[in-house]
Amino acid sequence: MANFSKTSVANAPRVELHDLIGLTGAEVSINSLPAGAGVPFVHAHKQNEEIYGILEGSGVAVIDGKEVALKAGDWLRLAPQAMRKFSAAADEGIKYVCIQVKAGSLEQYTGGDALMG
């Protein structure tokens, strides 16, 4: 078995990468909403925090009842219990990546987890 997986998501409106590339410690999705559209539900999580990166466009997140403006280049971390919903701006779509991981599970990162060859 190879030590890597590769896929292409091109222009799909929503793709979850878990099964496509065999993720074992996170869920990653790529999401696109056209102008004026929104995710049709409010949600929270039991144990997973979410990290959102805005890749293109703009919109708004409603987090625990508070509106947070979003634009390309913004990154947002949400605790599991935060109630959230995302929408594109009325005049512009939004494309974002969502990374979902178990809160508190990161033990090492960057140089602390690197093996030099």
N, C-alpha and C. Protein backbone atom coordinates (compact mmCIF):
# COMPACT_ATOMS: atom_id res chain seq x y z
N MET A 1 0.83 -1.18 0.00
CA MET A 1 0.00 0.00 0.00
C MET A 1 0.89 1.25 0.00
N ALA A 2 0.52 2.23 -0.78
CA ALA A 2 1.29 3.47 -0.89
C ALA A 2 1.16 4.30 0.39
N ASN A 3 2.14 5.14 0.62
CA ASN A 3 2.13 6.04 1.77
C ASN A 3 1.44 7.36 1.47
N PHE A 4 0.64 7.40 0.42
CA PHE A 4 -0.09 8.63 0.10
C PHE A 4 -1.36 8.30 -0.68
N SER A 5 -2.26 9.25 -0.71
CA SER A 5 -3.49 9.15 -1.50
C SER A 5 -3.68 10.48 -2.21
N LYS A 6 -4.26 10.44 -3.40
CA LYS A 6 -4.49 11.66 -4.16
C LYS A 6 -5.86 11.58 -4.82
N THR A 7 -6.55 12.71 -4.87
CA THR A 7 -7.82 12.81 -5.59
C THR A 7 -7.93 14.22 -6.13
N SER A 8 -8.90 14.45 -6.99
CA SER A 8 -9.19 15.79 -7.48
C SER A 8 -10.65 16.08 -7.22
N VAL A 9 -10.93 17.25 -6.67
CA VAL A 9 -12.32 17.62 -6.39
C VAL A 9 -12.84 18.63 -7.38
N ALA A 10 -11.97 19.20 -8.19
CA ALA A 10 -12.34 20.15 -9.25
C ALA A 10 -13.43 21.12 -8.80
N ASN A 11 -14.58 21.09 -9.45
CA ASN A 11 -15.63 22.09 -9.20
C ASN A 11 -16.86 21.51 -8.53
N ALA A 12 -16.75 20.45 -7.79
CA ALA A 12 -17.89 19.87 -7.09
C ALA A 12 -18.39 20.85 -6.03
N PRO A 13 -19.72 20.96 -5.84
CA PRO A 13 -20.23 21.90 -4.84
C PRO A 13 -19.92 21.49 -3.40
N ARG A 14 -19.79 20.20 -3.13
CA ARG A 14 -19.42 19.73 -1.79
C ARG A 14 -18.76 18.36 -1.93
N VAL A 15 -17.60 18.22 -1.31
CA VAL A 15 -16.88 16.96 -1.33
C VAL A 15 -16.33 16.69 0.06
N GLU A 16 -16.57 15.49 0.59
CA GLU A 16 -15.95 15.05 1.84
C GLU A 16 -14.79 14.13 1.48
N LEU A 17 -13.63 14.43 2.01
CA LEU A 17 -12.42 13.70 1.61
C LEU A 17 -12.14 12.44 2.42
N HIS A 18 -12.87 12.23 3.50
CA HIS A 18 -12.60 11.08 4.39
C HIS A 18 -12.43 9.78 3.62
N ASP A 19 -13.45 9.39 2.88
CA ASP A 19 -13.38 8.12 2.14
C ASP A 19 -12.53 8.22 0.88
N LEU A 20 -12.54 9.39 0.23
CA LEU A 20 -11.82 9.54 -1.04
C LEU A 20 -10.32 9.35 -0.90
N ILE A 21 -9.73 9.82 0.21
CA ILE A 21 -8.28 9.68 0.36
C ILE A 21 -7.88 8.90 1.61
N GLY A 22 -8.86 8.29 2.29
CA GLY A 22 -8.57 7.42 3.42
C GLY A 22 -8.08 8.13 4.67
N LEU A 23 -8.71 9.25 5.01
CA LEU A 23 -8.32 9.98 6.22
C LEU A 23 -8.59 9.13 7.46
N THR A 24 -7.69 9.21 8.44
CA THR A 24 -7.86 8.43 9.67
C THR A 24 -7.90 9.28 10.94
N GLY A 25 -7.63 10.57 10.83
CA GLY A 25 -7.61 11.40 12.03
C GLY A 25 -8.38 12.70 11.88
N ALA A 26 -9.02 12.90 10.74
CA ALA A 26 -9.74 14.15 10.49
C ALA A 26 -10.77 13.92 9.41
N GLU A 27 -11.69 14.85 9.29
CA GLU A 27 -12.58 14.93 8.14
C GLU A 27 -12.34 16.28 7.51
N VAL A 28 -12.23 16.32 6.20
CA VAL A 28 -12.02 17.55 5.46
C VAL A 28 -13.07 17.60 4.36
N SER A 29 -13.75 18.73 4.27
CA SER A 29 -14.70 18.90 3.16
C SER A 29 -14.42 20.21 2.46
N ILE A 30 -14.70 20.23 1.16
CA ILE A 30 -14.60 21.43 0.35
C ILE A 30 -16.04 21.78 -0.02
N ASN A 31 -16.43 23.03 0.23
CA ASN A 31 -17.82 23.44 0.08
C ASN A 31 -17.93 24.71 -0.74
N SER A 32 -18.93 24.77 -1.62
CA SER A 32 -19.20 25.97 -2.41
C SER A 32 -20.68 26.28 -2.31
N LEU A 33 -21.00 27.53 -2.02
CA LEU A 33 -22.37 28.00 -1.99
C LEU A 33 -22.51 29.14 -2.98
N PRO A 34 -23.51 29.11 -3.85
CA PRO A 34 -23.71 30.23 -4.77
C PRO A 34 -24.24 31.46 -4.03
N ALA A 35 -24.16 32.60 -4.68
CA ALA A 35 -24.65 33.85 -4.08
C ALA A 35 -26.05 33.68 -3.54
N GLY A 36 -26.26 34.13 -2.31
CA GLY A 36 -27.57 34.08 -1.67
C GLY A 36 -27.96 32.76 -1.06
N ALA A 37 -27.18 31.71 -1.26
CA ALA A 37 -27.51 30.38 -0.72
C ALA A 37 -26.89 30.19 0.66
N GLY A 38 -27.46 29.26 1.42
CA GLY A 38 -26.94 28.96 2.74
C GLY A 38 -27.08 27.49 3.07
N VAL A 39 -26.33 27.04 4.04
CA VAL A 39 -26.49 25.68 4.55
C VAL A 39 -27.87 25.64 5.20
N PRO A 40 -28.69 24.63 4.90
CA PRO A 40 -30.08 24.63 5.35
C PRO A 40 -30.32 24.19 6.80
N PHE A 41 -29.27 24.13 7.61
CA PHE A 41 -29.46 23.70 9.00
C PHE A 41 -28.42 24.34 9.91
N VAL A 42 -28.76 24.45 11.18
CA VAL A 42 -27.84 24.89 12.23
C VAL A 42 -27.35 23.62 12.91
N HIS A 43 -26.06 23.57 13.25
CA HIS A 43 -25.56 22.36 13.91
C HIS A 43 -24.42 22.67 14.86
N ALA A 44 -24.13 21.70 15.71
CA ALA A 44 -22.98 21.69 16.61
C ALA A 44 -22.42 20.27 16.54
N HIS A 45 -21.41 19.98 17.32
CA HIS A 45 -20.84 18.64 17.35
C HIS A 45 -20.71 18.14 18.79
N LYS A 46 -20.58 16.84 18.94
CA LYS A 46 -20.41 16.24 20.26
C LYS A 46 -18.98 16.42 20.76
N GLN A 47 -17.98 16.15 19.87
CA GLN A 47 -16.59 16.22 20.32
C GLN A 47 -15.63 16.82 19.31
N ASN A 48 -16.07 17.12 18.11
CA ASN A 48 -15.16 17.62 17.08
C ASN A 48 -15.22 19.13 16.93
N GLU A 49 -14.03 19.76 16.97
CA GLU A 49 -13.94 21.16 16.62
C GLU A 49 -13.85 21.24 15.09
N GLU A 50 -14.20 22.41 14.55
CA GLU A 50 -14.11 22.61 13.11
C GLU A 50 -13.26 23.85 12.83
N ILE A 51 -12.45 23.74 11.79
CA ILE A 51 -11.63 24.84 11.33
C ILE A 51 -12.09 25.14 9.90
N TYR A 52 -12.49 26.39 9.67
CA TYR A 52 -12.96 26.81 8.35
C TYR A 52 -11.95 27.76 7.74
N GLY A 53 -11.61 27.54 6.48
CA GLY A 53 -10.77 28.44 5.71
C GLY A 53 -11.55 28.93 4.51
N ILE A 54 -11.70 30.24 4.39
CA ILE A 54 -12.45 30.81 3.27
C ILE A 54 -11.49 30.95 2.09
N LEU A 55 -11.77 30.21 1.03
CA LEU A 55 -10.89 30.17 -0.14
C LEU A 55 -11.24 31.23 -1.17
N GLU A 56 -12.54 31.46 -1.37
CA GLU A 56 -13.00 32.44 -2.37
C GLU A 56 -14.31 33.06 -1.91
N GLY A 57 -14.55 34.28 -2.34
CA GLY A 57 -15.84 34.92 -2.10
C GLY A 57 -16.02 35.45 -0.70
N SER A 58 -17.30 35.60 -0.33
CA SER A 58 -17.63 36.14 1.00
C SER A 58 -18.98 35.63 1.45
N GLY A 59 -19.24 35.81 2.73
CA GLY A 59 -20.50 35.36 3.31
C GLY A 59 -20.55 35.68 4.77
N VAL A 60 -21.37 34.93 5.48
CA VAL A 60 -21.55 35.16 6.90
C VAL A 60 -21.73 33.82 7.61
N ALA A 61 -21.17 33.72 8.80
CA ALA A 61 -21.44 32.59 9.69
C ALA A 61 -22.26 33.13 10.85
N VAL A 62 -23.28 32.41 11.24
CA VAL A 62 -24.02 32.74 12.46
C VAL A 62 -23.57 31.71 13.49
N ILE A 63 -22.89 32.20 14.54
CA ILE A 63 -22.30 31.34 15.55
C ILE A 63 -22.91 31.72 16.89
N ASP A 64 -23.62 30.80 17.49
CA ASP A 64 -24.31 31.07 18.77
C ASP A 64 -25.13 32.36 18.69
N GLY A 65 -25.77 32.58 17.55
CA GLY A 65 -26.63 33.74 17.36
C GLY A 65 -25.91 35.01 16.92
N LYS A 66 -24.59 35.00 16.84
CA LYS A 66 -23.82 36.19 16.45
C LYS A 66 -23.37 36.06 15.00
N GLU A 67 -23.61 37.11 14.20
CA GLU A 67 -23.17 37.11 12.80
C GLU A 67 -21.69 37.49 12.71
N VAL A 68 -20.94 36.67 11.95
CA VAL A 68 -19.52 36.90 11.74
C VAL A 68 -19.29 36.99 10.24
N ALA A 69 -18.85 38.15 9.76
CA ALA A 69 -18.57 38.34 8.33
C ALA A 69 -17.36 37.50 7.93
N LEU A 70 -17.42 36.91 6.73
CA LEU A 70 -16.36 36.06 6.22
C LEU A 70 -15.95 36.54 4.84
N LYS A 71 -14.63 36.48 4.55
CA LYS A 71 -14.13 36.82 3.23
C LYS A 71 -12.92 35.94 2.94
N ALA A 72 -12.54 35.87 1.66
CA ALA A 72 -11.39 35.06 1.26
C ALA A 72 -10.17 35.41 2.11
N GLY A 73 -9.50 34.39 2.60
CA GLY A 73 -8.32 34.56 3.44
C GLY A 73 -8.60 34.41 4.93
N ASP A 74 -9.88 34.47 5.32
CA ASP A 74 -10.24 34.31 6.74
C ASP A 74 -10.16 32.84 7.16
N TRP A 75 -9.79 32.63 8.42
CA TRP A 75 -9.81 31.31 9.04
C TRP A 75 -10.56 31.42 10.36
N LEU A 76 -11.31 30.39 10.68
CA LEU A 76 -12.20 30.42 11.83
C LEU A 76 -12.16 29.06 12.51
N ARG A 77 -11.99 29.05 13.83
CA ARG A 77 -12.04 27.82 14.61
C ARG A 77 -13.29 27.85 15.48
N LEU A 78 -14.04 26.75 15.49
CA LEU A 78 -15.26 26.66 16.29
C LEU A 78 -15.16 25.49 17.25
N ALA A 79 -15.46 25.75 18.52
CA ALA A 79 -15.53 24.69 19.53
C ALA A 79 -16.67 23.75 19.17
N PRO A 80 -16.61 22.51 19.62
CA PRO A 80 -17.66 21.55 19.27
C PRO A 80 -19.07 22.06 19.58
N GLN A 81 -19.27 22.67 20.73
CA GLN A 81 -20.62 23.05 21.17
C GLN A 81 -21.16 24.31 20.50
N ALA A 82 -20.36 25.03 19.73
CA ALA A 82 -20.82 26.25 19.06
C ALA A 82 -21.89 25.88 18.03
N MET A 83 -23.04 26.53 18.11
CA MET A 83 -24.10 26.34 17.11
C MET A 83 -23.74 27.20 15.91
N ARG A 84 -23.74 26.60 14.70
CA ARG A 84 -23.23 27.29 13.53
C ARG A 84 -24.08 27.09 12.29
N LYS A 85 -24.04 28.09 11.42
CA LYS A 85 -24.70 28.03 10.12
C LYS A 85 -23.98 28.99 9.19
N PHE A 86 -23.78 28.60 7.93
CA PHE A 86 -23.03 29.40 6.97
C PHE A 86 -23.89 29.78 5.78
N SER A 87 -23.66 30.99 5.26
CA SER A 87 -24.36 31.48 4.07
C SER A 87 -23.40 32.29 3.21
N ALA A 88 -23.65 32.27 1.91
CA ALA A 88 -22.92 33.12 0.98
C ALA A 88 -23.52 34.52 1.02
N ALA A 89 -22.75 35.50 0.61
CA ALA A 89 -23.26 36.87 0.49
C ALA A 89 -24.36 36.89 -0.57
N ALA A 90 -25.22 37.89 -0.51
CA ALA A 90 -26.34 38.01 -1.46
C ALA A 90 -25.85 38.17 -2.89
N ASP A 91 -24.69 38.81 -3.07
CA ASP A 91 -24.20 39.11 -4.41
C ASP A 91 -22.95 38.35 -4.82
N GLU A 92 -22.52 37.39 -3.99
CA GLU A 92 -21.27 36.67 -4.27
C GLU A 92 -21.29 35.30 -3.61
N GLY A 93 -20.81 34.30 -4.32
CA GLY A 93 -20.71 32.97 -3.74
C GLY A 93 -19.56 32.88 -2.76
N ILE A 94 -19.46 31.72 -2.11
CA ILE A 94 -18.36 31.49 -1.16
C ILE A 94 -17.88 30.05 -1.34
N LYS A 95 -16.57 29.86 -1.26
CA LYS A 95 -15.96 28.53 -1.30
C LYS A 95 -15.07 28.41 -0.07
N TYR A 96 -15.25 27.32 0.68
CA TYR A 96 -14.46 27.16 1.91
C TYR A 96 -14.11 25.71 2.16
N VAL A 97 -13.06 25.53 2.92
CA VAL A 97 -12.65 24.21 3.37
C VAL A 97 -13.03 24.11 4.84
N CYS A 98 -13.52 22.95 5.24
CA CYS A 98 -13.85 22.68 6.64
C CYS A 98 -13.04 21.47 7.09
N ILE A 99 -12.26 21.65 8.15
CA ILE A 99 -11.44 20.58 8.72
C ILE A 99 -12.03 20.25 10.08
N GLN A 100 -12.37 19.00 10.28
CA GLN A 100 -13.02 18.57 11.52
C GLN A 100 -12.11 17.56 12.23
N VAL A 101 -11.76 17.87 13.48
CA VAL A 101 -10.89 17.00 14.28
C VAL A 101 -11.40 16.94 15.71
N LYS A 102 -11.04 15.90 16.43
CA LYS A 102 -11.45 15.78 17.82
C LYS A 102 -10.77 16.87 18.65
N ALA A 103 -11.56 17.65 19.35
CA ALA A 103 -11.02 18.73 20.18
C ALA A 103 -10.04 18.17 21.21
N GLY A 104 -8.91 18.83 21.38
CA GLY A 104 -7.92 18.44 22.37
C GLY A 104 -7.05 17.26 21.99
N SER A 105 -7.15 16.77 20.75
CA SER A 105 -6.41 15.57 20.38
C SER A 105 -4.99 15.83 19.86
N LEU A 106 -4.66 17.08 19.55
CA LEU A 106 -3.35 17.39 18.99
C LEU A 106 -2.28 17.34 20.08
N GLU A 107 -1.35 16.42 19.95
CA GLU A 107 -0.28 16.27 20.94
C GLU A 107 1.03 16.88 20.46
N GLN A 108 1.29 16.79 19.17
CA GLN A 108 2.51 17.35 18.60
C GLN A 108 2.14 17.98 17.26
N TYR A 109 2.92 18.94 16.83
CA TYR A 109 2.69 19.55 15.53
C TYR A 109 4.00 20.06 14.95
N THR A 110 4.01 20.29 13.67
CA THR A 110 5.13 20.82 12.92
C THR A 110 6.43 20.11 13.31
N GLY A 111 7.41 20.84 13.82
CA GLY A 111 8.72 20.26 14.13
C GLY A 111 8.70 19.18 15.20
N GLY A 112 7.76 19.27 16.15
CA GLY A 112 7.69 18.28 17.22
C GLY A 112 7.26 16.91 16.74
N ASP A 113 6.63 16.84 15.58
CA ASP A 113 6.16 15.57 15.04
C ASP A 113 6.96 15.13 13.82
N ALA A 114 7.96 15.92 13.42
CA ALA A 114 8.71 15.63 12.20
C ALA A 114 9.80 14.58 12.45
N LEU A 115 9.99 13.73 11.45
CA LEU A 115 11.12 12.80 11.43
C LEU A 115 12.01 13.24 10.27
N MET A 116 13.22 13.58 10.57
CA MET A 116 14.13 14.05 9.53
C MET A 116 14.85 12.86 8.91
N GLY A 117 14.91 12.85 7.57
CA GLY A 117 15.50 11.73 6.86
C GLY A 117 16.87 11.94 6.37
